Amino acid sequence: MIAAKVIDSIWSTRKADSLVGLKFMLVEVLGGIDAGRLMIAADTISAGVGERVIVCSGSSARKMLGRDDVPIDAVIVGIIDEDCTF
């Protein structure tokens, strides 16, 4: 899992049928060797811009959605409490 900060929403006028209904967010990785890296993550918990979140990646992200046929590599699975420090 990865700690990240939500930077912005990603809008797509056209996407694969298996992605319809999913909301996408641009997130920036916090800490570690990938700090500062930007990723697009499906948002399953209605995270907001500016919030720090927990991102699950790889095959675990697809399992989070309950489907293996979705071309997803990252999913927001939690919001980090404001009083938590790194």
N, C-alpha and C. Protein backbone atom coordinates (compact mmCIF):
# COMPACT_ATOMS: atom_id res chain seq x y z
N MET A 1 0.84 -1.18 0.00
CA MET A 1 0.00 0.00 0.00
C MET A 1 0.88 1.24 0.00
N ILE A 2 0.32 2.32 -0.48
CA ILE A 2 1.05 3.57 -0.66
C ILE A 2 0.29 4.71 0.00
N ALA A 3 1.01 5.60 0.66
CA ALA A 3 0.41 6.84 1.17
C ALA A 3 0.54 7.88 0.08
N ALA A 4 -0.53 8.62 -0.18
CA ALA A 4 -0.53 9.61 -1.25
C ALA A 4 -1.43 10.78 -0.88
N LYS A 5 -1.30 11.87 -1.64
CA LYS A 5 -2.16 13.03 -1.46
C LYS A 5 -2.95 13.25 -2.75
N VAL A 6 -4.25 13.46 -2.62
CA VAL A 6 -5.09 13.69 -3.79
C VAL A 6 -4.81 15.09 -4.33
N ILE A 7 -4.44 15.16 -5.59
CA ILE A 7 -4.08 16.43 -6.24
C ILE A 7 -5.26 17.02 -7.02
N ASP A 8 -6.00 16.16 -7.73
CA ASP A 8 -7.07 16.65 -8.59
C ASP A 8 -7.95 15.49 -9.04
N SER A 9 -9.08 15.83 -9.62
CA SER A 9 -9.95 14.84 -10.26
C SER A 9 -9.50 14.64 -11.70
N ILE A 10 -9.73 13.46 -12.22
CA ILE A 10 -9.44 13.16 -13.62
C ILE A 10 -10.77 12.91 -14.32
N TRP A 11 -11.02 13.64 -15.38
CA TRP A 11 -12.27 13.48 -16.13
C TRP A 11 -11.99 12.80 -17.45
N SER A 12 -12.84 11.87 -17.84
CA SER A 12 -12.69 11.16 -19.10
C SER A 12 -14.04 11.11 -19.79
N THR A 13 -14.09 11.65 -20.99
CA THR A 13 -15.37 11.65 -21.72
C THR A 13 -15.63 10.29 -22.36
N ARG A 14 -14.57 9.55 -22.63
CA ARG A 14 -14.73 8.20 -23.18
C ARG A 14 -13.78 7.27 -22.46
N LYS A 15 -14.27 6.08 -22.12
CA LYS A 15 -13.41 5.09 -21.48
C LYS A 15 -13.99 3.70 -21.72
N ALA A 16 -13.19 2.69 -21.43
CA ALA A 16 -13.61 1.30 -21.62
C ALA A 16 -14.89 1.04 -20.81
N ASP A 17 -15.74 0.19 -21.35
CA ASP A 17 -17.01 -0.12 -20.69
C ASP A 17 -16.82 -0.59 -19.25
N SER A 18 -15.75 -1.33 -18.98
CA SER A 18 -15.54 -1.85 -17.63
C SER A 18 -15.17 -0.75 -16.63
N LEU A 19 -14.86 0.46 -17.11
CA LEU A 19 -14.50 1.57 -16.24
C LEU A 19 -15.65 2.54 -15.99
N VAL A 20 -16.77 2.34 -16.68
CA VAL A 20 -17.92 3.22 -16.52
C VAL A 20 -18.40 3.18 -15.07
N GLY A 21 -18.63 4.35 -14.50
CA GLY A 21 -19.10 4.45 -13.13
C GLY A 21 -17.99 4.64 -12.11
N LEU A 22 -16.74 4.50 -12.54
CA LEU A 22 -15.62 4.71 -11.62
C LEU A 22 -15.14 6.15 -11.68
N LYS A 23 -14.83 6.72 -10.52
CA LYS A 23 -14.30 8.07 -10.41
C LYS A 23 -12.78 7.96 -10.30
N PHE A 24 -12.05 8.80 -11.02
CA PHE A 24 -10.59 8.76 -11.01
C PHE A 24 -10.01 10.03 -10.41
N MET A 25 -8.92 9.86 -9.65
CA MET A 25 -8.24 10.98 -9.01
C MET A 25 -6.75 10.91 -9.33
N LEU A 26 -6.14 12.09 -9.44
CA LEU A 26 -4.69 12.19 -9.59
C LEU A 26 -4.11 12.29 -8.19
N VAL A 27 -3.18 11.38 -7.85
CA VAL A 27 -2.58 11.38 -6.52
C VAL A 27 -1.06 11.48 -6.63
N GLU A 28 -0.45 12.07 -5.59
CA GLU A 28 1.01 12.18 -5.51
C GLU A 28 1.49 11.32 -4.36
N VAL A 29 2.44 10.43 -4.64
CA VAL A 29 2.98 9.53 -3.63
C VAL A 29 3.74 10.33 -2.56
N LEU A 30 3.50 9.98 -1.30
CA LEU A 30 4.17 10.63 -0.16
C LEU A 30 5.21 9.68 0.41
N GLY A 31 6.44 10.11 0.54
CA GLY A 31 7.49 9.33 1.17
C GLY A 31 8.02 8.19 0.32
N GLY A 32 9.15 7.64 0.79
CA GLY A 32 9.77 6.51 0.10
C GLY A 32 10.51 6.91 -1.17
N ILE A 33 10.95 5.90 -1.90
CA ILE A 33 11.73 6.18 -3.12
C ILE A 33 10.89 6.73 -4.26
N ASP A 34 9.57 6.53 -4.18
CA ASP A 34 8.67 7.04 -5.23
C ASP A 34 8.02 8.36 -4.85
N ALA A 35 8.50 9.01 -3.79
CA ALA A 35 7.92 10.29 -3.35
C ALA A 35 7.86 11.27 -4.50
N GLY A 36 6.71 11.91 -4.66
CA GLY A 36 6.50 12.88 -5.73
C GLY A 36 5.95 12.29 -7.01
N ARG A 37 5.97 10.98 -7.14
CA ARG A 37 5.44 10.32 -8.34
C ARG A 37 3.93 10.52 -8.41
N LEU A 38 3.43 10.83 -9.60
CA LEU A 38 1.99 11.00 -9.80
C LEU A 38 1.38 9.71 -10.32
N MET A 39 0.19 9.41 -9.84
CA MET A 39 -0.55 8.21 -10.26
C MET A 39 -2.02 8.58 -10.45
N ILE A 40 -2.68 7.81 -11.28
CA ILE A 40 -4.14 7.91 -11.40
C ILE A 40 -4.71 6.72 -10.65
N ALA A 41 -5.65 6.99 -9.74
CA ALA A 41 -6.24 5.93 -8.93
C ALA A 41 -7.76 6.03 -8.96
N ALA A 42 -8.41 4.87 -9.06
CA ALA A 42 -9.87 4.83 -8.95
C ALA A 42 -10.23 5.15 -7.50
N ASP A 43 -11.26 5.95 -7.31
CA ASP A 43 -11.66 6.37 -5.96
C ASP A 43 -12.92 5.63 -5.55
N THR A 44 -12.79 4.74 -4.58
CA THR A 44 -13.94 3.95 -4.12
C THR A 44 -14.57 4.51 -2.86
N ILE A 45 -13.97 5.57 -2.28
CA ILE A 45 -14.45 6.05 -0.98
C ILE A 45 -14.77 7.54 -0.96
N SER A 46 -14.85 8.16 -2.11
CA SER A 46 -15.18 9.59 -2.23
C SER A 46 -14.17 10.50 -1.52
N ALA A 47 -12.91 10.27 -1.79
CA ALA A 47 -11.85 11.14 -1.25
C ALA A 47 -11.92 12.50 -1.93
N GLY A 48 -11.46 13.51 -1.22
CA GLY A 48 -11.49 14.86 -1.77
C GLY A 48 -10.09 15.37 -2.09
N VAL A 49 -10.03 16.39 -2.93
CA VAL A 49 -8.77 17.02 -3.28
C VAL A 49 -8.13 17.57 -2.00
N GLY A 50 -6.83 17.31 -1.82
CA GLY A 50 -6.10 17.76 -0.65
C GLY A 50 -6.01 16.73 0.46
N GLU A 51 -6.82 15.68 0.41
CA GLU A 51 -6.78 14.66 1.46
C GLU A 51 -5.62 13.70 1.23
N ARG A 52 -5.07 13.22 2.34
CA ARG A 52 -4.06 12.16 2.27
C ARG A 52 -4.79 10.83 2.31
N VAL A 53 -4.38 9.92 1.43
CA VAL A 53 -5.11 8.68 1.25
C VAL A 53 -4.18 7.47 1.24
N ILE A 54 -4.78 6.30 1.37
CA ILE A 54 -4.08 5.03 1.23
C ILE A 54 -4.47 4.46 -0.13
N VAL A 55 -3.46 4.11 -0.92
CA VAL A 55 -3.69 3.58 -2.26
C VAL A 55 -3.19 2.14 -2.32
N CYS A 56 -4.01 1.28 -2.84
CA CYS A 56 -3.67 -0.12 -3.06
C CYS A 56 -3.36 -0.26 -4.55
N SER A 57 -2.31 -1.00 -4.90
CA SER A 57 -1.93 -1.09 -6.31
C SER A 57 -1.79 -2.53 -6.77
N GLY A 58 -1.65 -2.69 -8.09
CA GLY A 58 -1.47 -4.01 -8.69
C GLY A 58 -2.72 -4.85 -8.67
N SER A 59 -2.54 -6.18 -8.61
CA SER A 59 -3.69 -7.08 -8.65
C SER A 59 -4.60 -6.89 -7.44
N SER A 60 -4.05 -6.42 -6.34
CA SER A 60 -4.88 -6.15 -5.15
C SER A 60 -5.90 -5.06 -5.43
N ALA A 61 -5.55 -4.10 -6.30
CA ALA A 61 -6.47 -3.03 -6.65
C ALA A 61 -7.68 -3.59 -7.40
N ARG A 62 -7.44 -4.49 -8.32
CA ARG A 62 -8.55 -5.10 -9.05
C ARG A 62 -9.44 -5.92 -8.12
N LYS A 63 -8.83 -6.61 -7.18
CA LYS A 63 -9.61 -7.41 -6.23
C LYS A 63 -10.45 -6.52 -5.33
N MET A 64 -9.97 -5.33 -5.04
CA MET A 64 -10.73 -4.38 -4.22
C MET A 64 -12.06 -4.05 -4.89
N LEU A 65 -12.06 -4.02 -6.23
CA LEU A 65 -13.28 -3.74 -6.98
C LEU A 65 -14.15 -4.98 -7.15
N GLY A 66 -13.61 -6.13 -6.77
CA GLY A 66 -14.38 -7.37 -6.86
C GLY A 66 -14.45 -7.95 -8.25
N ARG A 67 -13.60 -7.45 -9.15
CA ARG A 67 -13.62 -7.94 -10.53
C ARG A 67 -12.18 -8.00 -11.06
N ASP A 68 -11.86 -9.07 -11.76
CA ASP A 68 -10.53 -9.21 -12.33
C ASP A 68 -10.45 -8.70 -13.76
N ASP A 69 -11.59 -8.34 -14.35
CA ASP A 69 -11.61 -7.91 -15.75
C ASP A 69 -11.45 -6.40 -15.93
N VAL A 70 -11.22 -5.66 -14.84
CA VAL A 70 -11.10 -4.21 -14.90
C VAL A 70 -9.63 -3.82 -15.05
N PRO A 71 -9.31 -2.98 -16.05
CA PRO A 71 -7.92 -2.57 -16.25
C PRO A 71 -7.50 -1.46 -15.29
N ILE A 72 -7.42 -1.79 -14.01
CA ILE A 72 -7.10 -0.83 -12.95
C ILE A 72 -5.79 -1.25 -12.29
N ASP A 73 -4.92 -0.27 -12.01
CA ASP A 73 -3.67 -0.57 -11.35
C ASP A 73 -3.58 0.08 -9.97
N ALA A 74 -4.48 1.01 -9.65
CA ALA A 74 -4.43 1.68 -8.34
C ALA A 74 -5.84 2.08 -7.91
N VAL A 75 -6.12 1.88 -6.62
CA VAL A 75 -7.43 2.20 -6.04
C VAL A 75 -7.23 2.88 -4.69
N ILE A 76 -7.96 3.97 -4.46
CA ILE A 76 -7.93 4.63 -3.16
C ILE A 76 -8.83 3.81 -2.23
N VAL A 77 -8.24 3.34 -1.12
CA VAL A 77 -8.98 2.46 -0.21
C VAL A 77 -9.16 3.04 1.19
N GLY A 78 -8.54 4.18 1.48
CA GLY A 78 -8.69 4.78 2.80
C GLY A 78 -8.26 6.23 2.82
N ILE A 79 -8.78 6.97 3.79
CA ILE A 79 -8.39 8.36 4.01
C ILE A 79 -7.59 8.40 5.31
N ILE A 80 -6.41 9.00 5.26
CA ILE A 80 -5.53 9.09 6.43
C ILE A 80 -6.01 10.22 7.33
N ASP A 81 -6.13 9.94 8.63
CA ASP A 81 -6.56 10.96 9.59
C ASP A 81 -5.60 12.14 9.58
N GLU A 82 -6.14 13.33 9.78
CA GLU A 82 -5.33 14.55 9.76
C GLU A 82 -4.26 14.59 10.84
N ASP A 83 -4.50 13.98 11.99
CA ASP A 83 -3.52 14.05 13.06
C ASP A 83 -2.43 12.99 12.96
N CYS A 84 -2.42 12.22 11.90
CA CYS A 84 -1.39 11.20 11.67
C CYS A 84 -0.20 11.84 10.96
N THR A 85 1.00 11.63 11.49
CA THR A 85 2.19 12.18 10.86
C THR A 85 3.08 11.07 10.35
N PHE A 86 3.93 11.40 9.40
CA PHE A 86 4.86 10.42 8.83
C PHE A 86 6.23 10.63 9.40
